[in-house]
Protein backbone atom coordinates (compact mmCIF):
# COMPACT_ATOMS: atom_id res chain seq x y z
CA MET A 1 24.60 104.03 175.80
CA ARG A 2 28.24 103.53 177.28
CA VAL A 3 27.90 99.85 176.39
CA VAL A 4 27.47 100.76 172.73
CA ALA A 5 30.02 103.21 172.75
CA LEU A 6 32.60 100.79 174.32
CA LEU A 7 31.72 98.08 171.98
CA SER A 8 32.13 100.23 169.00
CA LEU A 9 35.52 101.26 170.14
CA ILE A 10 36.67 97.70 170.59
CA PHE A 11 35.30 96.40 167.21
CA GLY A 12 36.58 99.66 165.53
CA PHE A 13 40.14 99.32 166.73
CA ILE A 14 40.33 95.58 166.29
CA GLY A 15 39.09 95.99 162.74
CA LEU A 16 41.98 98.52 161.99
CA GLN A 17 44.53 95.99 163.18
CA LEU A 18 43.46 93.08 161.03
CA LEU A 19 45.77 91.97 158.39
CA ASP A 20 43.66 90.29 155.97
CA GLY A 21 44.03 92.71 153.01
CA GLN A 22 40.59 94.48 153.33
CA VAL A 23 42.05 97.63 154.33
CA PHE A 24 39.59 99.90 153.04
CA THR A 25 36.64 97.91 154.26
CA HIS A 26 38.04 98.14 157.84
CA ALA A 27 38.73 101.94 157.58
CA VAL A 28 34.93 102.37 156.59
CA MET A 29 33.95 100.24 159.49
CA GLY A 30 36.22 102.21 161.72
CA VAL A 31 34.54 105.42 160.42
CA VAL A 32 30.98 103.94 161.30
CA PHE A 33 32.23 102.53 164.73
CA GLY A 34 33.94 105.98 165.49
CA VAL A 35 30.59 107.96 164.82
CA LEU A 36 28.59 105.49 166.98
CA ALA A 37 31.18 105.62 169.64
CA ILE A 38 31.05 109.64 169.47
CA ALA A 39 27.20 109.57 169.41
CA GLY A 40 26.97 107.02 172.44
CA GLY A 41 29.72 108.83 174.58
CA MET A 42 28.04 112.21 173.97
CA TRP A 43 24.65 110.81 174.72
CA SER A 44 25.87 109.11 177.99
CA ALA A 45 27.46 112.32 179.07
CA TRP A 46 24.32 114.50 178.31
CA ARG A 47 22.17 112.01 180.13
CA ASP A 48 24.34 111.55 183.19
CA ARG A 49 25.49 115.18 183.23
CA LEU A 50 24.79 115.64 186.97
CA ASP A 51 26.95 112.70 187.84
CA LYS A 52 30.61 113.91 187.27
CA ALA A 53 32.10 110.29 187.01
CA CYS A 54 29.60 109.27 184.31
CA LEU A 55 30.03 112.69 182.56
CA ARG A 56 33.79 112.15 182.35
CA THR A 57 33.35 108.66 181.19
CA GLY A 58 31.01 109.63 178.34
CA ARG A 59 33.46 112.30 177.37
CA VAL A 60 36.33 110.03 177.37
CA LEU A 61 34.39 107.47 175.19
CA ALA A 62 33.54 110.31 172.89
CA ALA A 63 37.28 111.37 172.85
CA LEU A 64 38.30 107.93 171.86
CA GLY A 65 35.66 107.74 169.30
CA VAL A 66 37.01 110.94 167.68
CA LEU A 67 40.56 109.14 167.68
CA LEU A 68 39.20 106.16 166.00
CA LEU A 69 37.32 108.36 163.46
CA GLY A 70 40.59 110.38 162.70
CA LEU A 71 42.88 107.15 162.42
CA SER A 72 40.03 105.55 160.08
CA VAL A 73 39.84 108.79 157.74
CA VAL A 74 43.42 109.13 157.61
CA GLN A 75 43.74 105.34 156.06
CA LEU A 76 40.93 105.95 153.52
CA PRO A 77 42.84 107.72 150.70
CA GLY A 78 45.30 104.99 149.91
CA ALA A 79 43.28 102.07 151.30
CA TYR A 80 41.08 101.48 148.18
CA GLU A 81 44.03 100.99 145.89
CA ARG A 82 45.94 98.65 148.49
CA GLN A 83 42.86 96.56 148.82
CA ALA A 84 42.27 96.47 144.89
CA ARG A 85 46.02 95.26 144.40
CA PHE A 86 45.68 92.72 147.10
CA ASN A 87 42.63 91.18 145.85
CA GLY A 88 44.00 91.13 142.29
CA ARG A 89 47.05 89.37 143.58
CA SER A 90 45.15 86.99 145.60
CA SER A 91 42.65 86.03 142.75
CA SER A 92 45.56 85.78 140.09
CA ALA A 93 47.35 83.39 142.55
CA LYS A 94 44.11 81.25 142.77
CA GLU A 95 43.75 81.02 139.05
CA SER A 96 47.34 80.15 138.23
CA PRO A 97 47.92 76.29 138.77
């Protein structure tokens, strides 16, 4: 599960940094990947609770998942309007000759 948590963190943080105008979509994906990272990290920490190094690794992955989740949730309120404005401008630019 550490691999799942790590991949979720990588894809979540990369998604938040993409500048393609789909801010809301990337924030929602960040929420999903953050929850997956938390679940994977906590599962790994619980499963390997006798090994201190693996326990710490699982907890660090879960903490980074909480950070990703928090950053994504903070972006959500204004992200939909920004994405709608961006999509409106890009579609009007495609329509005008």
